[in-house]
C-alpha atoms as a PDB file:
ATOM      1  CA  MET A   1     141.987  15.354-211.121  1.00  0.00           C
ATOM      2  CA  TYR A   2     139.105  17.285-212.454  1.00  0.00           C
ATOM      3  CA  GLU A   3     136.007  15.709-213.147  1.00  0.00           C
ATOM      4  CA  LEU A   4     133.632  16.830-216.012  1.00  0.00           C
ATOM      5  CA  ASP A   5     130.206  17.312-214.823  1.00  0.00           C
ATOM      6  CA  LYS A   6     127.947  15.741-218.026  1.00  0.00           C
ATOM      7  CA  THR A   7     124.837  17.483-216.643  1.00  0.00           C
ATOM      8  CA  LYS A   8     125.932  21.049-217.334  1.00  0.00           C
ATOM      9  CA  CYS A   9     127.088  22.988-220.183  1.00  0.00           C
ATOM     10  CA  ARG A  10     130.821  22.960-220.756  1.00  0.00           C
ATOM     11  CA  ILE A  11     130.723  27.212-221.766  1.00  0.00           C
ATOM     12  CA  CYS A  12     128.162  28.356-219.453  1.00  0.00           C
ATOM     13  CA  HIS A  13     127.194  25.410-216.526  1.00  0.00           C
ATOM     14  CA  ARG A  14     123.489  25.654-217.218  1.00  0.00           C
ATOM     15  CA  PRO A  15     121.603  22.624-217.414  1.00  0.00           C
ATOM     16  CA  SER A  16     122.738  20.451-220.577  1.00  0.00           C
ATOM     17  CA  VAL A  17     120.576  19.209-223.257  1.00  0.00           C
ATOM     18  CA  ALA A  18     122.578  17.923-225.640  1.00  0.00           C
ATOM     19  CA  ASN A  19     126.272  16.449-226.504  1.00  0.00           C
ATOM     20  CA  MET A  20     128.499  17.591-229.022  1.00  0.00           C
ATOM     21  CA  ASP A  21     130.660  14.758-228.462  1.00  0.00           C
ATOM     22  CA  PRO A  22     128.866  11.724-229.845  1.00  0.00           C
ATOM     23  CA  ASP A  23     131.493   8.857-228.541  1.00  0.00           C
ATOM     24  CA  ASP A  24     132.112  10.135-225.043  1.00  0.00           C
ATOM     25  CA  GLY A  25     129.939  12.667-224.089  1.00  0.00           C
ATOM     26  CA  ARG A  26     132.968  15.261-223.022  1.00  0.00           C
ATOM     27  CA  LEU A  27     131.268  18.103-224.632  1.00  0.00           C
ATOM     28  CA  PRO A  28     127.261  19.052-222.986  1.00  0.00           C
ATOM     29  CA  VAL A  29     125.810  21.724-223.893  1.00  0.00           C
ATOM     30  CA  CYS A  30     122.515  24.129-223.119  1.00  0.00           C
ATOM     31  CA  ASN A  31     119.946  24.577-225.701  1.00  0.00           C
ATOM     32  CA  HIS A  32     121.410  28.143-226.231  1.00  0.00           C
ATOM     33  CA  HIS A  33     125.037  27.135-226.644  1.00  0.00           C
ATOM     34  CA  GLU A  34     123.777  24.093-228.831  1.00  0.00           C
ATOM     35  CA  ARG A  35     122.139  26.815-231.449  1.00  0.00           C
ATOM     36  CA  TYR A  36     125.249  29.008-231.193  1.00  0.00           C
ATOM     37  CA  LEU A  37     127.380  25.836-232.113  1.00  0.00           C
ATOM     38  CA  ASP A  38     125.101  24.309-234.814  1.00  0.00           C
ATOM     39  CA  VAL A  39     125.357  27.441-236.386  1.00  0.00           C
ATOM     40  CA  ALA A  40     128.996  28.139-236.058  1.00  0.00           C
ATOM     41  CA  LEU A  41     129.317  24.580-237.530  1.00  0.00           C
ATOM     42  CA  ARG A  42     127.202  25.167-240.251  1.00  0.00           C
ATOM     43  CA  GLU A  43     129.223  28.323-241.427  1.00  0.00           C
ATOM     44  CA  ALA A  44     132.274  26.647-240.878  1.00  0.00           C
ATOM     45  CA  TYR A  45     131.802  23.697-242.991  1.00  0.00           C
ATOM     46  CA  GLU A  46     131.045  26.099-246.109  1.00  0.00           C
ATOM     47  CA  LEU A  47     134.588  27.438-245.704  1.00  0.00           C
ATOM     48  CA  ASP A  48     137.957  26.289-246.849  1.00  0.00           C
ATOM     49  CA  PRO A  49     139.917  24.572-244.070  1.00  0.00           C
ATOM     50  CA  GLN A  50     142.455  27.538-243.619  1.00  0.00           C
ATOM     51  CA  ASP A  51     139.595  30.041-243.170  1.00  0.00           C
ATOM     52  CA  ARG A  52     137.948  28.447-240.302  1.00  0.00           C
ATOM     53  CA  LEU A  53     138.852  27.454-236.974  1.00  0.00           C
ATOM     54  CA  LEU A  54     136.902  24.037-237.012  1.00  0.00           C
ATOM     55  CA  GLY A  55     137.987  20.756-238.324  1.00  0.00           C
ATOM     56  CA  PHE A  56     135.848  18.262-240.006  1.00  0.00           C
ATOM     57  CA  GLY A  57     136.590  14.622-240.649  1.00  0.00           C
ATOM     58  CA  LEU A  58     138.378  13.294-244.033  1.00  0.00           C
ATOM     59  CA  PRO A  59     137.970   9.518-244.128  1.00  0.00           C
ATOM     60  CA  LEU A  60     141.329   7.982-244.231  1.00  0.00           C
ATOM     61  CA  GLU A  61     139.822   4.662-245.854  1.00  0.00           C
ATOM     62  CA  ALA A  62     136.709   4.061-248.089  1.00  0.00           C
ATOM     63  CA  ILE A  63     133.391   4.438-246.000  1.00  0.00           C
ATOM     64  CA  ASN A  64     131.700   0.770-245.389  1.00  0.00           C
ATOM     65  CA  PRO A  65     128.323   1.659-246.449  1.00  0.00           C
ATOM     66  CA  ASP A  66     126.967  -0.670-243.786  1.00  0.00           C
ATOM     67  CA  ARG A  67     128.758   1.057-240.823  1.00  0.00           C
ATOM     68  CA  PRO A  68     129.386   4.617-241.942  1.00  0.00           C
ATOM     69  CA  GLU A  69     129.840   5.539-238.144  1.00  0.00           C
ATOM     70  CA  LEU A  70     132.872   3.253-238.180  1.00  0.00           C
ATOM     71  CA  THR A  71     135.245   5.041-240.641  1.00  0.00           C
ATOM     72  CA  PRO A  72     138.438   6.164-239.290  1.00  0.00           C
ATOM     73  CA  CYS A  73     138.909   9.687-239.810  1.00  0.00           C
ATOM     74  CA  ARG A  74     141.398  12.562-239.804  1.00  0.00           C
ATOM     75  CA  CYS A  75     140.648  16.458-239.262  1.00  0.00           C
ATOM     76  CA  ASP A  76     141.271  18.482-242.323  1.00  0.00           C
ATOM     77  CA  LYS A  77     142.613  20.918-240.097  1.00  0.00           C
ATOM     78  CA  SER A  78     145.470  18.948-237.971  1.00  0.00           C
ATOM     79  CA  THR A  79     148.773  18.612-239.010  1.00  0.00           C
ATOM     80  CA  ASN A  80     150.891  15.560-240.291  1.00  0.00           C
ATOM     81  CA  SER A  81     153.026  15.860-236.815  1.00  0.00           C
ATOM     82  CA  HIS A  82     149.876  16.125-234.579  1.00  0.00           C
ATOM     83  CA  PRO A  83     146.931  14.697-236.532  1.00  0.00           C
ATOM     84  CA  HIS A  84     143.760  14.320-234.807  1.00  0.00           C
ATOM     85  CA  THR A  85     142.389  10.924-235.594  1.00  0.00           C
ATOM     86  CA  TRP A  86     139.127   9.509-234.664  1.00  0.00           C
ATOM     87  CA  THR A  87     136.593   6.699-235.707  1.00  0.00           C
ATOM     88  CA  GLY A  88     133.298   8.089-236.887  1.00  0.00           C
ATOM     89  CA  TYR A  89     131.680   9.393-239.633  1.00  0.00           C
ATOM     90  CA  ALA A  90     133.232  11.109-242.361  1.00  0.00           C
ATOM     91  CA  HIS A  91     132.757  15.127-242.853  1.00  0.00           C
ATOM     92  CA  SER A  92     131.515  15.229-239.170  1.00  0.00           C
ATOM     93  CA  PRO A  93     132.970  17.879-236.719  1.00  0.00           C
ATOM     94  CA  CYS A  94     136.481  17.386-235.345  1.00  0.00           C
ATOM     95  CA  VAL A  95     135.813  16.569-231.377  1.00  0.00           C
ATOM     96  CA  PHE A  96     139.440  18.137-230.820  1.00  0.00           C
ATOM     97  CA  CYS A  97     138.911  21.297-232.634  1.00  0.00           C
ATOM     98  CA  LEU A  98     135.354  21.603-231.168  1.00  0.00           C
ATOM     99  CA  SER A  99     136.475  20.958-227.576  1.00  0.00           C
ATOM    100  CA  LEU A 100     139.397  23.895-228.136  1.00  0.00           C
ATOM    101  CA  TYR A 101     136.565  26.479-229.606  1.00  0.00           C
ATOM    102  CA  MET A 102     133.920  25.560-226.729  1.00  0.00           C
ATOM    103  CA  GLU A 103     137.130  26.772-224.381  1.00  0.00           C
ATOM    104  CA  MET A 104     137.597  29.370-226.412  1.00  0.00           C
ATOM    105  CA  ILE A 105     134.120  30.568-226.228  1.00  0.00           C
ATOM    106  CA  ARG A 106     133.961  29.972-222.358  1.00  0.00           C
ATOM    107  CA  GLU A 107     136.977  31.979-221.812  1.00  0.00           C
ATOM    108  CA  ASP A 108     135.382  35.053-224.173  1.00  0.00           C
ATOM    109  CA  ARG A 109     132.093  34.632-222.468  1.00  0.00           C
ATOM    110  CA  SER A 110     133.734  34.586-218.973  1.00  0.00           C
ATOM    111  CA  ARG A 111     135.953  38.089-220.102  1.00  0.00           C
ATOM    112  CA  VAL A 112     132.879  39.835-221.234  1.00  0.00           C
ATOM    113  CA  LEU A 113     130.422  38.784-217.990  1.00  0.00           C
ATOM    114  CA  SER A 114     133.360  39.913-215.503  1.00  0.00           C
ATOM    115  CA  GLN A 115     133.913  42.870-213.602  1.00  0.00           C
ATOM    116  CA  LEU A 116     135.863  45.698-214.859  1.00  0.00           C
ATOM    117  CA  ASP A 117     139.814  46.171-213.852  1.00  0.00           C
ATOM    118  CA  THR A 118     139.180  49.722-213.238  1.00  0.00           C
ATOM    119  CA  ASP A 119     138.117  51.210-209.908  1.00  0.00           C
ATOM    120  CA  PRO A 120     134.747  52.840-210.026  1.00  0.00           C
ATOM    121  CA  GLU A 121     136.495  56.065-208.503  1.00  0.00           C
ATOM    122  CA  ASP A 122     138.683  56.569-211.790  1.00  0.00           C
ATOM    123  CA  ILE A 123     138.198  58.932-214.209  1.00  0.00           C
ATOM    124  CA  ARG A 124     138.091  56.253-217.327  1.00  0.00           C
ATOM    125  CA  TYR A 125     135.655  54.021-215.257  1.00  0.00           C
ATOM    126  CA  LYS A 126     132.884  55.854-217.253  1.00  0.00           C
ATOM    127  CA  ASP A 127     134.593  55.263-220.637  1.00  0.00           C
ATOM    128  CA  GLU A 128     135.642  51.578-219.638  1.00  0.00           C
ATOM    129  CA  VAL A 129     131.589  50.976-218.793  1.00  0.00           C
ATOM    130  CA  LEU A 130     130.766  52.034-222.383  1.00  0.00           C
ATOM    131  CA  ARG A 131     133.224  50.010-224.077  1.00  0.00           C
ATOM    132  CA  ARG A 132     132.256  46.972-221.651  1.00  0.00           C
ATOM    133  CA  GLY A 133     128.751  48.032-223.227  1.00  0.00           C
ATOM    134  CA  ARG A 134     129.295  47.480-226.945  1.00  0.00           C
ATOM    135  CA  GLU A 135     131.285  44.204-225.842  1.00  0.00           C
ATOM    136  CA  LEU A 136     128.149  42.997-224.061  1.00  0.00           C
ATOM    137  CA  THR A 137     125.902  44.354-226.962  1.00  0.00           C
ATOM    138  CA  HIS A 138     128.262  42.252-229.842  1.00  0.00           C
ATOM    139  CA  ALA A 139     128.728  39.141-227.410  1.00  0.00           C
ATOM    140  CA  MET A 140     124.513  38.992-227.194  1.00  0.00           C
ATOM    141  CA  SER A 141     124.279  39.822-230.778  1.00  0.00           C
ATOM    142  CA  ASN A 142     126.667  36.953-232.091  1.00  0.00           C
ATOM    143  CA  GLY A 143     124.843  34.634-229.455  1.00  0.00           C
ATOM    144  CA  LEU A 144     127.447  33.927-226.902  1.00  0.00           C
ATOM    145  CA  ILE A 145     125.549  35.343-223.645  1.00  0.00           C
ATOM    146  CA  THR A 146     121.697  36.362-223.748  1.00  0.00           C
ATOM    147  CA  ARG A 147     119.582  39.384-223.148  1.00  0.00           C
ATOM    148  CA  ASP A 148     119.295  38.854-219.397  1.00  0.00           C
ATOM    149  CA  GLU A 149     123.139  37.997-218.980  1.00  0.00           C
ATOM    150  CA  ALA A 150     123.975  41.343-220.900  1.00  0.00           C
ATOM    151  CA  ARG A 151     121.788  43.346-218.873  1.00  0.00           C
ATOM    152  CA  SER A 152     122.441  42.175-215.259  1.00  0.00           C
ATOM    153  CA  MET A 153     125.985  42.664-216.176  1.00  0.00           C
ATOM    154  CA  PHE A 154     125.683  46.216-217.760  1.00  0.00           C
ATOM    155  CA  GLU A 155     123.568  47.083-214.707  1.00  0.00           C
ATOM    156  CA  ARG A 156     126.259  45.893-212.004  1.00  0.00           C
ATOM    157  CA  LEU A 157     128.598  48.173-214.195  1.00  0.00           C
ATOM    158  CA  VAL A 158     126.769  51.245-214.083  1.00  0.00           C
ATOM    159  CA  ALA A 159     125.580  51.096-210.556  1.00  0.00           C
ATOM    160  CA  HIS A 160     129.056  52.550-209.720  1.00  0.00           C
ATOM    161  CA  VAL A 161     128.484  55.674-212.465  1.00  0.00           C
END
């Protein structure tokens, strides 16, 4: 079975500096992706549940003022047939949604930093490099990848043009 390395960012494998899962540490992140996810969570919190990918915990019972971290919660995005439930702070991010969101980010990042499927000898290669350049710029402006990663990937692509 796959053993999670809690010392590496779950998105990019850089050294982790924080953990987005306060209970059992399954979501380690680097400094760059901690900031990225903090922004995503703040933006998501302001939206209605149907307009966002990330869920937040609704208290299933009254919050104990002496132990608010032990509140039974249910994700406001989950369904009755597949509820995401946990014990924690009310209105905190759903770890299940956050885990899936981080996996989506990891896959997007991996795709944009991968080599093109088009052969460099193909007449469409130059157009594919330009398209990927736009994707790299977009991913960099959104914080998905760093400027150095975008530059390095683009230089590898244009080396064949």
